[in-house]
Amino acid sequence: MPHSPNDVFIARLQSSQPAPIDNQQKIFDLQFSNPRFVFRTLKMWFFYTTPEHWQSDFEFKDIEPNELIIGLAYVASGNEPANYKVVSLATLSCKDHKLILSKPLVPFLAWNRVEGRCGHDSRYKVGILDGFIDEDQAYYLQQLQAKYPTCNKLNAAFPSNANKSVSEQYESQPQTSFWGKLKLWFGHWI
C-alpha cells in the first residue's frame, strides 16, 4: 500500500544515531523535537499511538540538527505500537510566508499517477506529499499553507531548540498522559 496523509509528520530533527542490533541491517534511531502528524483527524488521533521511538533504515547526513523536516512514518509493528518507522524525509522551510518543500531524501513507496500503480521507480519523481492516492502534493501543500499561513506561525508550532542540548529537550518534554494529549490537541486547534 502507498502511504497516506495519516503518515505525514512535521518536526525538527535532533539526531540520527546507529542503533545497536544483531543482524547485518543498519538501523538508525532518530530523535525529533515537537513531532506532530499534521493531517490526522480527531478520529485517527484516537486510533494511533503517540510515537515514543523513531527508527529508519537510512541515515540523514544532509540534514542539520534542529532543521525543520516533513516526513512519512508509520507504526512498524502491531506488537510495538509506539515504535514508528520513518521511510523518507524532506526539509521544510518558509520564505515570504510561503512553505517550501525540498525533494525527498530517500525514494519511498508511492502512488504513480502517470502509470496508475504503486512503486519506488526513480524515473517518476514524487514529492514527499505527492505519492498519495486521493490528492497530489499541491493539494496537501495548500492544506499546510492554510494551517501555517505565516513563517512565524510555522516556527511557533515547531519551535527551534537550537540553544538546548538533546538531553535537556527530552527532559523538558515528559511523556504525556491521555488527558494531557487531549488538552494539547485541543489547545493546538483552538
Protein backbone atom coordinates (compact mmCIF):
# COMPACT_ATOMS: atom_id res chain seq x y z
CA MET A 1 0.00 0.00 0.00
CA PRO A 2 1.23 3.51 -0.66
CA HIS A 3 1.47 5.89 2.26
CA SER A 4 -1.45 8.03 3.30
CA PRO A 5 -1.78 11.57 4.67
CA ASN A 6 -2.02 9.95 8.13
CA ASP A 7 1.72 9.16 7.83
CA VAL A 8 2.82 12.80 7.33
CA PHE A 9 4.56 14.48 10.25
CA ILE A 10 6.49 17.69 10.80
CA ALA A 11 9.25 18.02 13.39
CA ARG A 12 12.76 19.22 13.99
CA LEU A 13 15.40 16.53 13.56
CA GLN A 14 17.71 16.47 16.57
CA SER A 15 19.87 13.42 15.86
CA SER A 16 20.28 10.25 13.83
CA GLN A 17 22.40 7.57 15.52
CA PRO A 18 23.12 3.95 14.52
CA ALA A 19 21.09 1.55 16.66
CA PRO A 20 22.79 -1.46 18.24
CA ILE A 21 21.33 -4.54 16.51
CA ASP A 22 22.46 -8.13 15.96
CA ASN A 23 21.97 -8.63 12.22
CA GLN A 24 23.70 -7.03 9.23
CA GLN A 25 20.96 -4.49 8.50
CA LYS A 26 21.71 -0.92 9.60
CA ILE A 27 19.02 0.79 11.65
CA PHE A 28 19.15 4.38 12.88
CA ASP A 29 17.46 5.76 15.98
CA LEU A 30 16.04 9.21 15.34
CA GLN A 31 15.34 11.95 17.84
CA PHE A 32 12.84 14.69 16.99
CA SER A 33 11.59 17.72 18.84
CA ASN A 34 7.93 18.72 18.58
CA PRO A 35 6.84 15.93 16.20
CA ARG A 36 3.25 16.29 15.01
CA PHE A 37 1.23 14.31 12.47
CA VAL A 38 -0.34 17.18 10.58
CA PHE A 39 -3.16 15.58 8.58
CA ARG A 40 -4.64 13.19 11.13
CA THR A 41 -8.25 13.82 12.06
CA LEU A 42 -9.51 13.60 15.63
CA LYS A 43 -10.83 10.11 14.85
CA MET A 44 -7.41 8.99 13.58
CA TRP A 45 -5.76 10.56 16.61
CA PHE A 46 -7.63 8.07 18.82
CA PHE A 47 -6.65 5.09 16.64
CA TYR A 48 -2.91 5.78 16.54
CA THR A 49 -0.48 5.75 19.45
CA THR A 50 1.91 8.57 20.18
CA PRO A 51 5.39 7.73 18.86
CA GLU A 52 7.94 7.05 21.57
CA HIS A 53 10.66 5.56 19.40
CA TRP A 54 11.54 6.56 15.82
CA GLN A 55 13.76 4.48 13.52
CA SER A 56 14.82 4.43 9.89
CA ASP A 57 16.85 2.20 7.57
CA PHE A 58 18.99 5.12 6.43
CA GLU A 59 20.98 7.97 7.94
CA PHE A 60 20.11 11.58 7.28
CA LYS A 61 23.54 13.07 6.64
CA ASP A 62 22.33 16.11 4.69
CA ILE A 63 20.05 17.46 7.44
CA GLU A 64 21.50 19.63 10.15
CA PRO A 65 20.38 19.18 13.77
CA ASN A 66 17.34 21.29 14.59
CA GLU A 67 16.35 21.64 10.93
CA LEU A 68 12.62 21.60 10.20
CA ILE A 69 11.55 18.50 8.27
CA ILE A 70 8.44 16.89 6.89
CA GLY A 71 8.38 13.13 6.71
CA LEU A 72 6.46 9.91 6.31
CA ALA A 73 6.29 7.44 9.21
CA TYR A 74 4.10 4.54 10.18
CA VAL A 75 3.72 2.12 13.08
CA ALA A 76 6.37 -0.50 12.38
CA SER A 77 4.71 -3.38 14.24
CA GLY A 78 1.35 -4.11 15.79
CA ASN A 79 3.24 -5.61 18.75
CA GLU A 80 5.00 -2.31 19.44
CA PRO A 81 2.50 0.45 18.55
CA ALA A 82 4.70 3.26 19.91
CA ASN A 83 7.59 2.37 17.56
CA TYR A 84 7.44 4.29 14.29
CA LYS A 85 9.47 3.71 11.14
CA VAL A 86 10.44 6.78 9.11
CA VAL A 87 10.56 5.97 5.40
CA SER A 88 11.53 9.35 3.94
CA LEU A 89 12.12 12.98 4.86
CA ALA A 90 12.30 16.33 3.10
CA THR A 91 13.30 19.67 4.52
CA LEU A 92 10.54 22.19 5.12
CA SER A 93 11.23 25.89 5.06
CA CYS A 94 9.32 29.12 4.79
CA LYS A 95 10.20 32.24 2.84
CA ASP A 96 7.98 35.28 2.39
CA HIS A 97 5.20 33.34 4.18
CA LYS A 98 5.30 30.54 1.61
CA LEU A 99 6.09 26.94 2.58
CA ILE A 100 8.86 25.29 0.57
CA LEU A 101 9.50 21.52 0.43
CA SER A 102 12.75 20.00 -0.74
CA LYS A 103 12.86 16.77 -2.71
CA PRO A 104 12.58 13.61 -0.58
CA LEU A 105 15.95 12.37 0.64
CA VAL A 106 15.02 8.73 0.08
CA PRO A 107 12.63 7.22 -2.51
CA PHE A 108 9.53 5.68 -0.94
CA LEU A 109 6.61 3.50 -2.00
CA ALA A 110 4.26 5.95 -3.70
CA TRP A 111 1.25 6.06 -5.97
CA ASN A 112 2.40 6.83 -9.51
CA ARG A 113 -0.35 8.95 -11.11
CA VAL A 114 1.28 8.71 -14.56
CA GLU A 115 1.24 4.89 -14.64
CA GLY A 116 -1.68 4.31 -12.23
CA ARG A 117 0.24 1.97 -9.92
CA CYS A 118 2.45 1.90 -6.82
CA GLY A 119 6.21 1.76 -6.98
CA HIS A 120 9.64 3.01 -5.94
CA ASP A 121 10.52 3.88 -9.54
CA SER A 122 13.02 6.71 -9.55
CA ARG A 123 12.01 7.81 -13.09
CA TYR A 124 8.77 9.20 -11.66
CA LYS A 125 9.93 11.82 -9.20
CA VAL A 126 7.37 12.29 -6.46
CA GLY A 127 7.38 14.93 -3.77
CA ILE A 128 7.03 13.89 -0.15
CA LEU A 129 3.29 14.75 -0.35
CA ASP A 130 2.75 13.59 -3.93
CA GLY A 131 2.50 9.81 -3.65
CA PHE A 132 -0.97 9.53 -2.11
CA ILE A 133 -3.92 8.04 -3.98
CA ASP A 134 -6.51 10.77 -3.37
CA GLU A 135 -4.72 14.08 -4.00
CA ASP A 136 -1.34 15.42 -5.12
CA GLN A 137 1.36 17.48 -3.41
CA ALA A 138 -0.13 20.82 -4.49
CA TYR A 139 -3.36 19.98 -2.62
CA TYR A 140 -1.61 18.94 0.61
CA LEU A 141 0.80 21.86 0.45
CA GLN A 142 -2.20 24.16 0.19
CA GLN A 143 -3.67 22.50 3.30
CA LEU A 144 -0.42 23.08 5.19
CA GLN A 145 -0.23 26.68 3.97
CA ALA A 146 -3.74 27.29 5.34
CA LYS A 147 -2.75 25.73 8.68
CA TYR A 148 0.52 27.73 8.87
CA PRO A 149 -0.17 30.92 6.87
CA THR A 150 2.96 32.75 8.03
CA CYS A 151 6.53 31.75 8.75
CA ASN A 152 6.00 32.91 12.35
CA LYS A 153 3.05 30.51 12.79
CA LEU A 154 5.10 27.62 11.42
CA ASN A 155 8.06 28.39 13.68
CA ALA A 156 5.76 28.87 16.70
CA ALA A 157 4.19 25.45 16.07
CA PHE A 158 7.62 23.82 15.70
CA PRO A 159 9.98 25.95 17.79
CA SER A 160 13.71 25.73 17.40
CA ASN A 161 15.60 24.19 20.29
CA ALA A 162 19.00 25.27 19.00
CA ASN A 163 20.14 26.57 22.38
CA LYS A 164 19.33 23.35 24.27
CA SER A 165 21.15 20.05 24.25
CA VAL A 166 19.21 16.97 23.12
CA SER A 167 19.04 15.60 26.68
CA GLU A 168 17.65 18.90 28.01
CA GLN A 169 14.99 18.94 25.29
CA TYR A 170 13.69 15.50 26.14
CA GLU A 171 13.83 16.06 29.87
CA SER A 172 11.63 19.12 29.36
CA GLN A 173 9.10 17.05 27.36
CA PRO A 174 7.93 14.28 29.71
CA GLN A 175 5.60 11.54 28.49
CA THR A 176 2.10 12.93 28.31
CA SER A 177 -0.98 11.18 29.66
CA PHE A 178 -4.07 10.62 27.53
CA TRP A 179 -5.77 13.68 29.05
CA GLY A 180 -2.63 15.72 28.58
CA LYS A 181 -2.56 14.72 24.90
CA LEU A 182 -6.22 15.66 24.56
CA LYS A 183 -5.59 19.04 26.17
CA LEU A 184 -2.57 19.66 23.89
CA TRP A 185 -4.56 18.66 20.81
CA PHE A 186 -7.48 20.95 21.63
CA GLY A 187 -5.05 23.74 22.55
CA HIS A 188 -3.41 23.40 19.15
CA TRP A 189 -6.69 23.74 17.25
CA ILE A 190 -8.46 26.30 19.44
